[in-house]
N, C-alpha and C. Protein backbone atom coordinates (compact mmCIF):
# COMPACT_ATOMS: atom_id res chain seq x y z
N MET A 1 -23.96 42.03 -6.99
CA MET A 1 -23.57 40.92 -6.15
C MET A 1 -22.87 39.85 -6.97
N LYS A 2 -23.40 39.58 -8.16
CA LYS A 2 -22.82 38.58 -9.02
C LYS A 2 -21.43 39.02 -9.50
N GLU A 3 -21.28 40.32 -9.77
CA GLU A 3 -19.99 40.85 -10.21
C GLU A 3 -18.95 40.73 -9.10
N LEU A 4 -19.37 40.94 -7.87
CA LEU A 4 -18.47 40.84 -6.72
C LEU A 4 -17.97 39.41 -6.57
N ARG A 5 -18.85 38.43 -6.74
CA ARG A 5 -18.45 37.02 -6.67
C ARG A 5 -17.44 36.69 -7.76
N THR A 6 -17.67 37.19 -8.97
CA THR A 6 -16.76 36.93 -10.09
C THR A 6 -15.39 37.52 -9.81
N VAL A 7 -15.34 38.75 -9.32
CA VAL A 7 -14.07 39.41 -9.01
C VAL A 7 -13.36 38.67 -7.88
N LEU A 8 -14.10 38.28 -6.86
CA LEU A 8 -13.53 37.57 -5.73
C LEU A 8 -12.96 36.22 -6.17
N LEU A 9 -13.67 35.50 -7.02
CA LEU A 9 -13.20 34.23 -7.54
C LEU A 9 -11.93 34.42 -8.35
N ALA A 10 -11.87 35.46 -9.17
CA ALA A 10 -10.68 35.73 -9.98
C ALA A 10 -9.48 36.03 -9.09
N VAL A 11 -9.67 36.77 -8.01
CA VAL A 11 -8.57 37.10 -7.09
C VAL A 11 -8.07 35.84 -6.40
N ILE A 12 -8.99 34.98 -5.98
CA ILE A 12 -8.59 33.73 -5.30
C ILE A 12 -7.82 32.83 -6.26
N LEU A 13 -8.31 32.69 -7.48
CA LEU A 13 -7.61 31.86 -8.47
C LEU A 13 -6.23 32.42 -8.78
N ALA A 14 -6.10 33.72 -8.88
CA ALA A 14 -4.80 34.33 -9.15
C ALA A 14 -3.84 34.10 -7.98
N ALA A 15 -4.35 34.18 -6.76
CA ALA A 15 -3.51 33.96 -5.58
C ALA A 15 -3.04 32.51 -5.52
N CYS A 16 -3.93 31.58 -5.84
CA CYS A 16 -3.54 30.17 -5.82
C CYS A 16 -2.53 29.86 -6.91
N ALA A 17 -2.69 30.47 -8.07
CA ALA A 17 -1.79 30.20 -9.19
C ALA A 17 -0.40 30.78 -8.94
N THR A 18 -0.31 31.82 -8.13
CA THR A 18 1.00 32.44 -7.91
C THR A 18 1.67 31.99 -6.62
N SER A 19 1.02 31.10 -5.83
CA SER A 19 1.67 30.65 -4.61
C SER A 19 2.83 29.72 -4.97
N PRO A 20 3.97 29.90 -4.32
CA PRO A 20 5.14 29.10 -4.67
C PRO A 20 4.95 27.64 -4.25
N PRO A 21 5.51 26.70 -5.01
CA PRO A 21 5.42 25.30 -4.61
C PRO A 21 6.24 25.10 -3.33
N SER A 22 5.91 24.05 -2.60
CA SER A 22 6.64 23.82 -1.36
C SER A 22 8.11 23.60 -1.69
N THR A 23 8.95 24.22 -0.91
CA THR A 23 10.38 24.14 -1.16
C THR A 23 10.93 22.84 -0.62
N ALA A 24 12.01 22.42 -1.23
CA ALA A 24 12.65 21.18 -0.79
C ALA A 24 13.35 21.42 0.54
N PRO A 25 13.17 20.53 1.49
CA PRO A 25 13.86 20.69 2.77
C PRO A 25 15.35 20.40 2.58
N PRO A 26 16.18 20.87 3.49
CA PRO A 26 17.62 20.61 3.37
C PRO A 26 17.97 19.18 3.79
N VAL A 27 17.31 18.22 3.18
CA VAL A 27 17.54 16.81 3.49
C VAL A 27 18.17 16.18 2.26
N HIS A 28 19.34 15.62 2.47
CA HIS A 28 20.07 14.96 1.38
C HIS A 28 19.61 13.50 1.33
N VAL A 29 19.24 13.02 0.15
CA VAL A 29 18.74 11.66 -0.02
C VAL A 29 19.78 10.83 -0.78
N VAL A 30 20.16 9.68 -0.20
CA VAL A 30 21.10 8.76 -0.84
C VAL A 30 20.41 7.41 -0.92
N VAL A 31 20.25 6.88 -2.13
CA VAL A 31 19.64 5.56 -2.32
C VAL A 31 20.67 4.69 -3.04
N SER A 32 20.97 3.54 -2.46
CA SER A 32 21.97 2.64 -3.06
C SER A 32 21.50 1.20 -2.95
N ALA A 33 22.10 0.37 -3.78
CA ALA A 33 21.80 -1.07 -3.77
C ALA A 33 23.10 -1.83 -3.99
N ASP A 34 23.29 -2.87 -3.22
CA ASP A 34 24.47 -3.72 -3.39
C ASP A 34 24.42 -4.40 -4.75
N GLU A 35 25.55 -4.92 -5.17
CA GLU A 35 25.67 -5.55 -6.48
C GLU A 35 24.67 -6.68 -6.68
N ASP A 36 24.39 -7.45 -5.63
CA ASP A 36 23.48 -8.60 -5.75
C ASP A 36 22.05 -8.20 -6.11
N VAL A 37 21.62 -7.03 -5.69
CA VAL A 37 20.23 -6.60 -5.91
C VAL A 37 20.14 -5.33 -6.75
N ARG A 38 21.23 -4.92 -7.34
CA ARG A 38 21.29 -3.66 -8.08
C ARG A 38 20.24 -3.58 -9.19
N LEU A 39 20.00 -4.69 -9.87
CA LEU A 39 19.04 -4.68 -10.98
C LEU A 39 17.58 -4.84 -10.52
N MET A 40 17.39 -5.06 -9.23
CA MET A 40 16.04 -5.27 -8.71
C MET A 40 15.46 -4.04 -8.03
N VAL A 41 16.23 -2.96 -7.97
CA VAL A 41 15.77 -1.72 -7.35
C VAL A 41 16.09 -0.56 -8.28
N ASN A 42 15.10 0.23 -8.59
CA ASN A 42 15.30 1.42 -9.41
C ASN A 42 15.67 2.57 -8.46
N THR A 43 16.96 2.70 -8.19
CA THR A 43 17.42 3.66 -7.18
C THR A 43 17.13 5.11 -7.58
N GLU A 44 17.24 5.42 -8.87
CA GLU A 44 16.98 6.80 -9.31
C GLU A 44 15.52 7.18 -9.08
N LYS A 45 14.61 6.27 -9.42
CA LYS A 45 13.19 6.54 -9.25
C LYS A 45 12.82 6.64 -7.77
N LEU A 46 13.40 5.76 -6.94
CA LEU A 46 13.11 5.81 -5.51
C LEU A 46 13.64 7.10 -4.90
N LYS A 47 14.79 7.57 -5.35
CA LYS A 47 15.33 8.84 -4.85
C LYS A 47 14.39 9.99 -5.23
N GLU A 48 13.94 9.98 -6.48
CA GLU A 48 13.03 11.02 -6.96
C GLU A 48 11.72 11.03 -6.17
N VAL A 49 11.15 9.85 -5.93
CA VAL A 49 9.90 9.74 -5.19
C VAL A 49 10.09 10.16 -3.73
N THR A 50 11.24 9.82 -3.15
CA THR A 50 11.51 10.19 -1.76
C THR A 50 11.67 11.70 -1.62
N GLU A 51 12.36 12.32 -2.56
CA GLU A 51 12.51 13.79 -2.52
C GLU A 51 11.16 14.48 -2.64
N ALA A 52 10.28 13.95 -3.49
CA ALA A 52 8.93 14.52 -3.62
C ALA A 52 8.14 14.35 -2.33
N ALA A 53 8.28 13.19 -1.69
CA ALA A 53 7.58 12.96 -0.42
C ALA A 53 8.12 13.88 0.67
N LEU A 54 9.42 14.14 0.68
CA LEU A 54 10.00 15.06 1.66
C LEU A 54 9.45 16.48 1.46
N ARG A 55 9.28 16.90 0.20
CA ARG A 55 8.69 18.22 -0.06
C ARG A 55 7.26 18.28 0.46
N LYS A 56 6.54 17.17 0.34
CA LYS A 56 5.13 17.15 0.75
C LYS A 56 4.97 17.05 2.26
N TYR A 57 5.70 16.12 2.89
CA TYR A 57 5.46 15.83 4.30
C TYR A 57 6.45 16.48 5.26
N ALA A 58 7.64 16.84 4.79
CA ALA A 58 8.66 17.34 5.71
C ALA A 58 9.31 18.61 5.19
N SER A 59 8.50 19.50 4.65
CA SER A 59 9.06 20.73 4.06
C SER A 59 9.72 21.62 5.11
N GLU A 60 9.38 21.46 6.37
CA GLU A 60 9.95 22.27 7.44
C GLU A 60 11.11 21.56 8.15
N ALA A 61 11.55 20.44 7.63
CA ALA A 61 12.61 19.66 8.28
C ALA A 61 13.93 20.40 8.25
N GLY A 62 14.73 20.11 9.26
CA GLY A 62 16.06 20.70 9.31
C GLY A 62 17.04 19.89 8.48
N GLU A 63 18.29 20.27 8.54
CA GLU A 63 19.33 19.60 7.75
C GLU A 63 19.50 18.17 8.24
N ALA A 64 19.46 17.24 7.31
CA ALA A 64 19.58 15.82 7.63
C ALA A 64 19.97 15.05 6.38
N THR A 65 20.28 13.78 6.58
CA THR A 65 20.58 12.88 5.47
C THR A 65 19.74 11.62 5.65
N VAL A 66 19.08 11.21 4.58
CA VAL A 66 18.33 9.96 4.56
C VAL A 66 19.08 9.02 3.64
N THR A 67 19.49 7.89 4.20
CA THR A 67 20.21 6.89 3.42
C THR A 67 19.35 5.64 3.34
N ILE A 68 19.02 5.25 2.12
CA ILE A 68 18.24 4.03 1.89
C ILE A 68 19.17 3.06 1.16
N ARG A 69 19.40 1.90 1.78
CA ARG A 69 20.35 0.94 1.21
C ARG A 69 19.70 -0.44 1.15
N PHE A 70 19.71 -1.02 -0.04
CA PHE A 70 19.18 -2.37 -0.24
C PHE A 70 20.36 -3.32 -0.39
N ASN A 71 20.28 -4.47 0.34
CA ASN A 71 21.46 -5.34 0.33
C ASN A 71 21.17 -6.82 0.14
N SER A 72 19.91 -7.25 0.15
CA SER A 72 19.67 -8.68 -0.02
C SER A 72 18.28 -8.94 -0.58
N LEU A 73 18.14 -10.16 -1.08
CA LEU A 73 16.85 -10.62 -1.59
C LEU A 73 16.26 -11.56 -0.55
N GLY A 74 14.98 -11.45 -0.30
CA GLY A 74 14.33 -12.30 0.69
C GLY A 74 12.95 -12.69 0.24
N VAL A 75 12.23 -13.31 1.15
CA VAL A 75 10.88 -13.76 0.87
C VAL A 75 9.98 -13.23 1.98
N ALA A 76 8.90 -12.60 1.58
CA ALA A 76 7.90 -12.13 2.54
C ALA A 76 6.78 -13.15 2.59
N LYS A 77 6.41 -13.52 3.81
CA LYS A 77 5.33 -14.50 3.99
C LYS A 77 4.17 -13.78 4.66
N GLU A 78 2.98 -14.03 4.14
CA GLU A 78 1.80 -13.42 4.74
C GLU A 78 0.60 -14.33 4.58
N LEU A 79 -0.34 -14.15 5.46
CA LEU A 79 -1.61 -14.87 5.38
C LEU A 79 -2.63 -13.95 4.74
N THR A 80 -3.21 -14.40 3.65
CA THR A 80 -4.20 -13.61 2.93
C THR A 80 -5.59 -14.16 3.27
N PRO A 81 -6.47 -13.31 3.78
CA PRO A 81 -7.82 -13.81 4.09
C PRO A 81 -8.60 -14.11 2.82
N GLY A 82 -9.45 -15.10 2.93
CA GLY A 82 -10.26 -15.49 1.78
C GLY A 82 -11.57 -16.10 2.25
N LEU A 83 -12.32 -16.63 1.30
CA LEU A 83 -13.60 -17.23 1.61
C LEU A 83 -13.79 -18.44 0.70
N THR A 84 -14.11 -19.58 1.30
CA THR A 84 -14.39 -20.79 0.53
C THR A 84 -15.89 -21.03 0.56
N ILE A 85 -16.44 -21.28 -0.61
CA ILE A 85 -17.87 -21.55 -0.72
C ILE A 85 -18.03 -23.02 -1.09
N MET A 86 -18.70 -23.76 -0.23
CA MET A 86 -18.90 -25.19 -0.48
C MET A 86 -20.38 -25.48 -0.47
N SER A 87 -20.78 -26.34 -1.39
CA SER A 87 -22.17 -26.79 -1.41
C SER A 87 -22.15 -28.23 -0.93
N MET A 88 -22.74 -28.46 0.22
CA MET A 88 -22.71 -29.79 0.82
C MET A 88 -24.09 -30.44 0.70
N PRO A 89 -24.12 -31.74 0.40
CA PRO A 89 -25.41 -32.41 0.32
C PRO A 89 -26.07 -32.44 1.71
N TYR A 90 -27.34 -32.25 1.71
CA TYR A 90 -28.12 -32.23 2.93
C TYR A 90 -29.45 -32.89 2.60
N PRO A 91 -29.91 -33.79 3.43
CA PRO A 91 -31.13 -34.52 3.05
C PRO A 91 -32.36 -33.63 2.88
N GLY A 92 -32.38 -32.51 3.51
CA GLY A 92 -33.52 -31.61 3.36
C GLY A 92 -34.70 -32.03 4.23
N GLN A 93 -35.81 -31.33 4.08
CA GLN A 93 -37.02 -31.61 4.85
C GLN A 93 -38.13 -32.08 3.92
N ASN A 94 -38.84 -33.06 4.40
CA ASN A 94 -39.98 -33.55 3.62
C ASN A 94 -41.10 -32.52 3.68
N VAL A 95 -41.78 -32.38 2.56
CA VAL A 95 -42.91 -31.47 2.45
C VAL A 95 -44.16 -32.33 2.28
N PRO A 96 -45.25 -31.97 2.96
CA PRO A 96 -46.47 -32.78 2.82
C PRO A 96 -46.97 -32.79 1.37
N ILE A 97 -47.46 -33.92 1.00
CA ILE A 97 -48.02 -34.06 -0.35
C ILE A 97 -49.43 -33.48 -0.32
N VAL A 98 -49.71 -32.58 -1.25
CA VAL A 98 -51.01 -31.93 -1.28
C VAL A 98 -51.88 -32.46 -2.42
N SER A 99 -51.43 -33.50 -3.04
CA SER A 99 -52.18 -34.07 -4.14
C SER A 99 -53.40 -34.84 -3.59
N SER A 100 -54.45 -34.89 -4.40
CA SER A 100 -55.63 -35.65 -4.01
C SER A 100 -55.39 -37.15 -4.17
N GLN A 101 -54.32 -37.51 -4.90
CA GLN A 101 -53.96 -38.92 -5.09
C GLN A 101 -52.47 -39.09 -4.75
N PRO A 102 -52.14 -39.10 -3.48
CA PRO A 102 -50.74 -39.17 -3.08
C PRO A 102 -50.05 -40.44 -3.54
N TRP A 103 -50.79 -41.53 -3.78
CA TRP A 103 -50.17 -42.78 -4.23
C TRP A 103 -49.61 -42.68 -5.64
N ASN A 104 -50.02 -41.61 -6.40
CA ASN A 104 -49.49 -41.42 -7.75
C ASN A 104 -48.23 -40.54 -7.79
N GLU A 105 -47.84 -39.98 -6.65
CA GLU A 105 -46.63 -39.15 -6.61
C GLU A 105 -45.39 -40.04 -6.67
N PRO A 106 -44.40 -39.69 -7.51
CA PRO A 106 -43.23 -40.55 -7.66
C PRO A 106 -42.35 -40.61 -6.40
N SER A 107 -42.28 -39.53 -5.65
CA SER A 107 -41.48 -39.56 -4.42
C SER A 107 -41.95 -38.45 -3.50
N GLN A 108 -41.47 -38.51 -2.29
CA GLN A 108 -41.81 -37.49 -1.29
C GLN A 108 -41.06 -36.21 -1.66
N PRO A 109 -41.77 -35.09 -1.86
CA PRO A 109 -41.06 -33.84 -2.18
C PRO A 109 -40.29 -33.32 -0.96
N THR A 110 -39.13 -32.73 -1.23
CA THR A 110 -38.28 -32.16 -0.16
C THR A 110 -37.86 -30.74 -0.53
N VAL A 111 -37.52 -29.97 0.47
CA VAL A 111 -36.96 -28.63 0.26
C VAL A 111 -35.64 -28.54 1.03
N GLY A 112 -34.77 -27.66 0.57
CA GLY A 112 -33.49 -27.47 1.25
C GLY A 112 -32.55 -28.64 1.06
N ALA A 113 -32.56 -29.23 -0.13
CA ALA A 113 -31.74 -30.41 -0.36
C ALA A 113 -30.25 -30.07 -0.51
N ARG A 114 -29.91 -28.83 -0.61
CA ARG A 114 -28.50 -28.42 -0.68
C ARG A 114 -28.25 -27.44 0.46
N ASN A 115 -27.05 -27.48 0.97
CA ASN A 115 -26.68 -26.57 2.04
C ASN A 115 -25.37 -25.89 1.63
N THR A 116 -25.42 -24.61 1.38
CA THR A 116 -24.23 -23.86 0.98
C THR A 116 -23.55 -23.31 2.23
N VAL A 117 -22.25 -23.58 2.33
CA VAL A 117 -21.48 -23.17 3.49
C VAL A 117 -20.41 -22.18 3.05
N PHE A 118 -20.32 -21.07 3.74
CA PHE A 118 -19.27 -20.09 3.50
C PHE A 118 -18.27 -20.21 4.64
N MET A 119 -17.06 -20.60 4.32
CA MET A 119 -16.04 -20.79 5.35
C MET A 119 -14.89 -19.81 5.15
N PRO A 120 -14.56 -19.05 6.19
CA PRO A 120 -13.38 -18.17 6.06
C PRO A 120 -12.12 -19.02 6.01
N THR A 121 -11.21 -18.62 5.15
CA THR A 121 -9.94 -19.33 5.01
C THR A 121 -8.80 -18.33 5.00
N ARG A 122 -7.62 -18.83 5.22
CA ARG A 122 -6.42 -18.01 5.12
C ARG A 122 -5.45 -18.76 4.24
N THR A 123 -4.96 -18.08 3.23
CA THR A 123 -4.02 -18.67 2.30
C THR A 123 -2.63 -18.09 2.58
N ARG A 124 -1.67 -18.95 2.74
CA ARG A 124 -0.31 -18.50 2.98
C ARG A 124 0.34 -18.20 1.63
N THR A 125 0.80 -16.98 1.47
CA THR A 125 1.45 -16.60 0.23
C THR A 125 2.88 -16.16 0.52
N GLU A 126 3.74 -16.41 -0.41
CA GLU A 126 5.13 -15.99 -0.32
C GLU A 126 5.47 -15.24 -1.60
N HIS A 127 6.16 -14.12 -1.45
CA HIS A 127 6.59 -13.39 -2.63
C HIS A 127 7.96 -12.78 -2.37
N PRO A 128 8.76 -12.62 -3.43
CA PRO A 128 10.11 -12.10 -3.23
C PRO A 128 10.10 -10.62 -2.88
N VAL A 129 11.06 -10.21 -2.06
CA VAL A 129 11.23 -8.81 -1.69
C VAL A 129 12.72 -8.49 -1.68
N VAL A 130 13.01 -7.22 -1.86
CA VAL A 130 14.37 -6.73 -1.72
C VAL A 130 14.44 -6.08 -0.34
N LYS A 131 15.40 -6.55 0.47
CA LYS A 131 15.50 -6.08 1.85
C LYS A 131 16.63 -5.07 2.00
N GLY A 132 16.47 -4.21 2.99
CA GLY A 132 17.50 -3.22 3.25
C GLY A 132 17.19 -2.46 4.52
N THR A 133 17.77 -1.27 4.63
CA THR A 133 17.54 -0.41 5.79
C THR A 133 17.44 1.03 5.33
N TYR A 134 16.79 1.84 6.13
CA TYR A 134 16.89 3.28 5.94
C TYR A 134 17.46 3.87 7.22
N THR A 135 18.26 4.91 7.05
CA THR A 135 18.90 5.58 8.18
C THR A 135 18.68 7.07 8.04
N ILE A 136 18.26 7.70 9.12
CA ILE A 136 18.10 9.15 9.14
C ILE A 136 19.15 9.70 10.10
N THR A 137 20.01 10.58 9.59
CA THR A 137 21.05 11.19 10.42
C THR A 137 20.88 12.70 10.40
N ASP A 138 21.27 13.35 11.50
CA ASP A 138 21.17 14.81 11.54
C ASP A 138 22.43 15.43 10.94
N ALA A 139 22.52 16.74 10.99
CA ALA A 139 23.64 17.47 10.37
C ALA A 139 24.98 17.10 10.99
N SER A 140 25.00 16.70 12.25
CA SER A 140 26.26 16.35 12.91
C SER A 140 26.66 14.90 12.68
N GLY A 141 25.81 14.13 11.99
CA GLY A 141 26.12 12.73 11.71
C GLY A 141 25.56 11.76 12.73
N THR A 142 24.80 12.24 13.70
CA THR A 142 24.19 11.39 14.70
C THR A 142 23.01 10.63 14.08
N VAL A 143 22.99 9.32 14.28
CA VAL A 143 21.89 8.51 13.75
C VAL A 143 20.66 8.74 14.59
N LEU A 144 19.61 9.27 13.97
CA LEU A 144 18.35 9.52 14.65
C LEU A 144 17.44 8.30 14.62
N GLU A 145 17.49 7.57 13.50
CA GLU A 145 16.63 6.39 13.36
C GLU A 145 17.19 5.49 12.28
N GLN A 146 17.09 4.17 12.52
CA GLN A 146 17.49 3.19 11.52
C GLN A 146 16.52 2.02 11.62
N LYS A 147 15.92 1.66 10.48
CA LYS A 147 14.93 0.58 10.47
C LYS A 147 15.09 -0.29 9.22
N SER A 148 14.64 -1.54 9.35
CA SER A 148 14.66 -2.47 8.22
C SER A 148 13.48 -2.17 7.30
N ILE A 149 13.68 -2.41 6.01
CA ILE A 149 12.64 -2.19 5.01
C ILE A 149 12.65 -3.34 4.01
N ALA A 150 11.56 -3.49 3.28
CA ALA A 150 11.47 -4.49 2.22
C ALA A 150 10.45 -4.00 1.21
N ILE A 151 10.80 -4.10 -0.08
CA ILE A 151 9.88 -3.73 -1.15
C ILE A 151 9.93 -4.82 -2.23
N PRO A 152 8.90 -4.92 -3.06
CA PRO A 152 8.93 -5.90 -4.15
C PRO A 152 10.03 -5.55 -5.14
N PRO A 153 10.64 -6.56 -5.76
CA PRO A 153 11.66 -6.27 -6.77
C PRO A 153 11.07 -5.47 -7.93
N ASP A 154 11.88 -4.61 -8.51
CA ASP A 154 11.43 -3.74 -9.60
C ASP A 154 11.90 -4.34 -10.92
N ASP A 155 10.95 -4.67 -11.78
CA ASP A 155 11.29 -5.17 -13.12
C ASP A 155 11.35 -4.04 -14.13
N ARG A 156 11.22 -2.80 -13.65
CA ARG A 156 11.26 -1.60 -14.49
C ARG A 156 10.19 -1.64 -15.59
N ASP A 157 9.07 -2.27 -15.28
CA ASP A 157 7.99 -2.36 -16.26
C ASP A 157 6.83 -1.43 -15.93
N GLY A 158 6.99 -0.62 -14.87
CA GLY A 158 5.95 0.32 -14.50
C GLY A 158 4.78 -0.29 -13.78
N TYR A 159 4.93 -1.52 -13.30
CA TYR A 159 3.84 -2.20 -12.60
C TYR A 159 3.45 -1.41 -11.37
N SER A 160 2.17 -1.12 -11.22
CA SER A 160 1.71 -0.16 -10.21
C SER A 160 1.97 -0.61 -8.78
N ASP A 161 1.90 -1.91 -8.47
CA ASP A 161 2.14 -2.35 -7.10
C ASP A 161 3.56 -2.03 -6.65
N ARG A 162 4.50 -2.17 -7.56
CA ARG A 162 5.89 -1.84 -7.20
C ARG A 162 6.05 -0.34 -6.97
N MET A 163 5.43 0.45 -7.83
CA MET A 163 5.50 1.90 -7.65
C MET A 163 4.76 2.31 -6.38
N ASP A 164 3.64 1.66 -6.10
CA ASP A 164 2.91 1.94 -4.87
C ASP A 164 3.78 1.64 -3.65
N ALA A 165 4.53 0.54 -3.70
CA ALA A 165 5.41 0.19 -2.59
C ALA A 165 6.52 1.23 -2.43
N GLN A 166 7.06 1.70 -3.55
CA GLN A 166 8.10 2.73 -3.47
C GLN A 166 7.53 4.04 -2.93
N ARG A 167 6.34 4.41 -3.38
CA ARG A 167 5.71 5.64 -2.88
C ARG A 167 5.40 5.53 -1.39
N ALA A 168 4.92 4.36 -0.97
CA ALA A 168 4.61 4.15 0.44
C ALA A 168 5.87 4.22 1.29
N LEU A 169 6.95 3.61 0.82
CA LEU A 169 8.23 3.68 1.54
C LEU A 169 8.70 5.12 1.63
N ALA A 170 8.66 5.85 0.53
CA ALA A 170 9.10 7.25 0.51
C ALA A 170 8.26 8.10 1.45
N ALA A 171 6.95 7.90 1.45
CA ALA A 171 6.06 8.66 2.34
C ALA A 171 6.35 8.34 3.80
N ASP A 172 6.57 7.05 4.11
CA ASP A 172 6.87 6.66 5.49
C ASP A 172 8.17 7.31 5.97
N VAL A 173 9.19 7.27 5.13
CA VAL A 173 10.48 7.87 5.50
C VAL A 173 10.32 9.38 5.69
N ALA A 174 9.62 10.04 4.78
CA ALA A 174 9.43 11.50 4.89
C ALA A 174 8.65 11.86 6.15
N LYS A 175 7.64 11.08 6.49
CA LYS A 175 6.87 11.33 7.71
C LYS A 175 7.74 11.13 8.95
N ARG A 176 8.65 10.16 8.90
CA ARG A 176 9.56 9.94 10.03
C ARG A 176 10.52 11.11 10.17
N VAL A 177 11.01 11.64 9.04
CA VAL A 177 11.89 12.83 9.10
C VAL A 177 11.13 13.99 9.74
N ALA A 178 9.90 14.19 9.34
CA ALA A 178 9.09 15.27 9.92
C ALA A 178 8.86 15.05 11.41
N ALA A 179 8.57 13.80 11.80
CA ALA A 179 8.31 13.50 13.21
C ALA A 179 9.57 13.67 14.06
N LEU A 180 10.71 13.29 13.52
CA LEU A 180 11.96 13.42 14.28
C LEU A 180 12.34 14.88 14.48
N ARG A 181 11.94 15.73 13.56
CA ARG A 181 12.23 17.16 13.68
C ARG A 181 11.44 17.76 14.84
N LYS A 182 10.24 17.22 15.08
CA LYS A 182 9.37 17.78 16.12
C LYS A 182 9.79 17.39 17.53
N ARG A 183 10.67 16.41 17.64
CA ARG A 183 11.11 15.97 18.98
C ARG A 183 11.88 17.04 19.70
């Protein structure tokens, strides 16, 4: 029985190791940036990430072209939730004196002399973004979808939030290509 499990495991591992990687769909990817924002977008990296996302999410897609074009710098505004902790003075409650000689006590003891308040807050933050559009066209040149996009500027320093934004954009575009194929 143990030998059968070992043989079966070896066959499964061999089958997994020899399965071909997902093939690239016949989707042409074009990523460009206008002169004003050319240095703020790593077009080569975004093209590479988008092609990988297309292989993952839209491997069955038909012939199409995805054009991602960045053309301006803008500011994204958002409200970030937060929490403010404040300690407010509160007179508290008097506690009975349990001493046998209460006249010798320096003051009336109290409890709860501080009141800590947790208040939800929203902080308005602004950060720069590179704005543009993505367009998905079919083989005949018909525009299937066109939407506005914005990602953080790329300083080419490998900062993970910027790469995460590029990966998220690439995944969203690839999922849209796959969804448009199913229509």
